[in-house]
C-alpha atoms as a PDB file:
ATOM      1  CA  MET A   1       0.000   0.000   0.000  1.00  0.00           C
ATOM      2  CA  VAL A   2       1.395   3.360  -1.024  1.00  0.00           C
ATOM      3  CA  LYS A   3       1.753   6.031   1.644  1.00  0.00           C
ATOM      4  CA  GLU A   4      -0.386   9.159   1.406  1.00  0.00           C
ATOM      5  CA  VAL A   5       0.308  12.653   2.668  1.00  0.00           C
ATOM      6  CA  ASP A   6      -2.022  15.613   2.901  1.00  0.00           C
ATOM      7  CA  VAL A   7      -1.286  19.062   1.521  1.00  0.00           C
ATOM      8  CA  ARG A   8      -0.081  20.318   4.921  1.00  0.00           C
ATOM      9  CA  GLU A   9       2.604  17.638   4.934  1.00  0.00           C
ATOM     10  CA  LEU A  10       3.462  18.463   1.322  1.00  0.00           C
ATOM     11  CA  ALA A  11       3.712  22.174   2.173  1.00  0.00           C
ATOM     12  CA  ALA A  12       6.203  21.456   4.969  1.00  0.00           C
ATOM     13  CA  ALA A  13       8.267  19.175   2.731  1.00  0.00           C
ATOM     14  CA  HIS A  14       8.064  21.676  -0.133  1.00  0.00           C
ATOM     15  CA  ARG A  15       9.479  24.434   2.083  1.00  0.00           C
ATOM     16  CA  GLY A  16      12.380  22.075   2.762  1.00  0.00           C
ATOM     17  CA  GLY A  17      13.086  21.608  -0.948  1.00  0.00           C
ATOM     18  CA  ALA A  18      11.379  18.246  -1.484  1.00  0.00           C
ATOM     19  CA  LEU A  19      11.073  16.766  -4.952  1.00  0.00           C
ATOM     20  CA  VAL A  20       7.521  17.031  -6.291  1.00  0.00           C
ATOM     21  CA  VAL A  21       6.600  15.094  -9.436  1.00  0.00           C
ATOM     22  CA  ASP A  22       3.408  16.149 -11.227  1.00  0.00           C
ATOM     23  CA  VAL A  23       1.952  13.274 -13.257  1.00  0.00           C
ATOM     24  CA  ARG A  24      -0.822  15.228 -14.984  1.00  0.00           C
ATOM     25  CA  GLU A  25      -0.919  16.014 -18.676  1.00  0.00           C
ATOM     26  CA  PRO A  26       1.033  19.044 -19.978  1.00  0.00           C
ATOM     27  CA  GLY A  27      -2.106  21.162 -20.463  1.00  0.00           C
ATOM     28  CA  GLU A  28      -3.132  20.608 -16.862  1.00  0.00           C
ATOM     29  CA  TYR A  29       0.365  21.477 -15.666  1.00  0.00           C
ATOM     30  CA  LEU A  30       0.357  24.700 -17.706  1.00  0.00           C
ATOM     31  CA  GLY A  31      -2.866  25.740 -16.001  1.00  0.00           C
ATOM     32  CA  GLY A  32      -1.252  25.704 -12.575  1.00  0.00           C
ATOM     33  CA  HIS A  33       1.182  23.589 -10.605  1.00  0.00           C
ATOM     34  CA  VAL A  34       3.112  23.454  -7.347  1.00  0.00           C
ATOM     35  CA  PRO A  35       6.206  25.683  -7.723  1.00  0.00           C
ATOM     36  CA  GLY A  36       9.185  23.560  -8.696  1.00  0.00           C
ATOM     37  CA  ALA A  37       7.093  20.497  -9.522  1.00  0.00           C
ATOM     38  CA  ARG A  38       8.656  18.371 -12.216  1.00  0.00           C
ATOM     39  CA  LEU A  39       6.257  17.348 -14.979  1.00  0.00           C
ATOM     40  CA  ILE A  40       6.338  13.654 -15.852  1.00  0.00           C
ATOM     41  CA  PRO A  41       2.947  12.634 -17.282  1.00  0.00           C
ATOM     42  CA  LEU A  42       1.722   9.293 -15.941  1.00  0.00           C
ATOM     43  CA  ARG A  43       1.977   7.618 -19.342  1.00  0.00           C
ATOM     44  CA  SER A  44       5.687   8.588 -19.515  1.00  0.00           C
ATOM     45  CA  LEU A  45       6.598   7.660 -15.975  1.00  0.00           C
ATOM     46  CA  PRO A  46       7.607   3.993 -16.399  1.00  0.00           C
ATOM     47  CA  ALA A  47      10.306   4.891 -18.936  1.00  0.00           C
ATOM     48  CA  ARG A  48      11.516   7.829 -16.844  1.00  0.00           C
ATOM     49  CA  ILE A  49      11.834   6.137 -13.457  1.00  0.00           C
ATOM     50  CA  PRO A  50      15.644   5.890 -13.875  1.00  0.00           C
ATOM     51  CA  GLU A  51      15.780   9.727 -13.927  1.00  0.00           C
ATOM     52  CA  LEU A  52      14.466   9.948 -10.372  1.00  0.00           C
ATOM     53  CA  PRO A  53      16.763   9.965  -7.343  1.00  0.00           C
ATOM     54  CA  ARG A  54      17.085   7.015  -5.033  1.00  0.00           C
ATOM     55  CA  GLY A  55      17.312   7.757  -1.331  1.00  0.00           C
ATOM     56  CA  GLU A  56      15.180  10.899  -1.579  1.00  0.00           C
ATOM     57  CA  ARG A  57      11.470  11.070  -0.801  1.00  0.00           C
ATOM     58  CA  ILE A  58       9.370  11.874  -3.866  1.00  0.00           C
ATOM     59  CA  TYR A  59       5.974  13.547  -3.540  1.00  0.00           C
ATOM     60  CA  VAL A  60       3.711  12.620  -6.439  1.00  0.00           C
ATOM     61  CA  ILE A  61       0.790  14.878  -7.305  1.00  0.00           C
ATOM     62  CA  CYS A  62      -1.965  14.969  -9.916  1.00  0.00           C
ATOM     63  CA  ALA A  63      -5.340  16.717 -10.057  1.00  0.00           C
ATOM     64  CA  SER A  64      -7.127  14.822  -7.292  1.00  0.00           C
ATOM     65  CA  GLY A  65      -4.951  11.919  -6.157  1.00  0.00           C
ATOM     66  CA  ASN A  66      -5.953   9.040  -8.430  1.00  0.00           C
ATOM     67  CA  ARG A  67      -3.113   9.174 -10.961  1.00  0.00           C
ATOM     68  CA  SER A  68      -0.582  10.053  -8.290  1.00  0.00           C
ATOM     69  CA  ARG A  69      -1.592   6.963  -6.297  1.00  0.00           C
ATOM     70  CA  THR A  70      -0.887   4.801  -9.355  1.00  0.00           C
ATOM     71  CA  ALA A  71       2.408   6.599 -10.002  1.00  0.00           C
ATOM     72  CA  ALA A  72       3.559   6.343  -6.385  1.00  0.00           C
ATOM     73  CA  THR A  73       2.781   2.618  -6.441  1.00  0.00           C
ATOM     74  CA  TRP A  74       4.938   2.193  -9.547  1.00  0.00           C
ATOM     75  CA  LEU A  75       7.768   4.194  -7.972  1.00  0.00           C
ATOM     76  CA  ALA A  76       7.593   2.254  -4.717  1.00  0.00           C
ATOM     77  CA  SER A  77       7.681  -1.008  -6.711  1.00  0.00           C
ATOM     78  CA  ALA A  78      10.890   0.277  -8.317  1.00  0.00           C
ATOM     79  CA  GLY A  79      12.425   0.814  -4.863  1.00  0.00           C
ATOM     80  CA  LEU A  80      11.859   4.563  -4.591  1.00  0.00           C
ATOM     81  CA  ASP A  81      10.492   6.363  -1.528  1.00  0.00           C
ATOM     82  CA  ALA A  82       7.287   7.797  -3.007  1.00  0.00           C
ATOM     83  CA  ARG A  83       4.263   9.431  -1.402  1.00  0.00           C
ATOM     84  CA  THR A  84       0.976  10.327  -3.080  1.00  0.00           C
ATOM     85  CA  VAL A  85      -0.589  13.690  -2.260  1.00  0.00           C
ATOM     86  CA  ASN A  86      -4.171  13.138  -1.129  1.00  0.00           C
ATOM     87  CA  GLY A  87      -6.516  15.506  -2.963  1.00  0.00           C
ATOM     88  CA  GLY A  88      -3.827  16.509  -5.454  1.00  0.00           C
ATOM     89  CA  THR A  89      -3.392  19.943  -6.951  1.00  0.00           C
ATOM     90  CA  SER A  90      -7.055  20.691  -6.297  1.00  0.00           C
ATOM     91  CA  ALA A  91      -6.499  20.316  -2.541  1.00  0.00           C
ATOM     92  CA  TRP A  92      -3.203  22.211  -2.777  1.00  0.00           C
ATOM     93  CA  ILE A  93      -4.947  25.202  -4.362  1.00  0.00           C
ATOM     94  CA  ALA A  94      -7.951  24.992  -2.019  1.00  0.00           C
ATOM     95  CA  GLY A  95      -5.533  24.982   0.917  1.00  0.00           C
ATOM     96  CA  GLY A  96      -3.892  28.198  -0.273  1.00  0.00           C
ATOM     97  CA  GLY A  97      -0.699  26.632  -1.598  1.00  0.00           C
ATOM     98  CA  PRO A  98       1.300  28.720  -4.076  1.00  0.00           C
ATOM     99  CA  VAL A  99       0.669  28.000  -7.740  1.00  0.00           C
ATOM    100  CA  VAL A 100       2.602  28.910 -10.847  1.00  0.00           C
ATOM    101  CA  ARG A 101       1.312  28.809 -14.401  1.00  0.00           C
ATOM    102  CA  GLY A 102       3.211  28.099 -17.572  1.00  0.00           C
ATOM    103  CA  PRO A 103       5.450  25.467 -19.121  1.00  0.00           C
ATOM    104  CA  HIS A 104       8.342  25.524 -16.689  1.00  0.00           C
ATOM    105  CA  GLU A 105       8.748  24.229 -13.151  1.00  0.00           C
ATOM    106  CA  ASN A 106       8.920  27.754 -11.783  1.00  0.00           C
ATOM    107  CA  ALA A 107       7.026  29.675 -14.467  1.00  0.00           C
ATOM    108  CA  ALA A 108       5.455  32.949 -13.402  1.00  0.00           C
END
């Protein structure tokens, strides 16, 4: 069973520089994402697992938590320390988390 965190836990980890992987589609990401979140759409994730660091916790986020749960399960199966963000970007925004729009991790 994959471990879940809520947006408060993500916010604390994010302030500490945690790696956030956004598994939504590019158009969703452009519309607003967690600052610094790395876009790896779910369909691309299996081939890109080797790009992710071992020994570092990875917070996986999507729109509501469904895709991120799948992604975190895949990552955990590959031996990575992955957490799914319960409620996803929707909960992040509703909780007042900062959001950036655009094609880059830290777009304005």
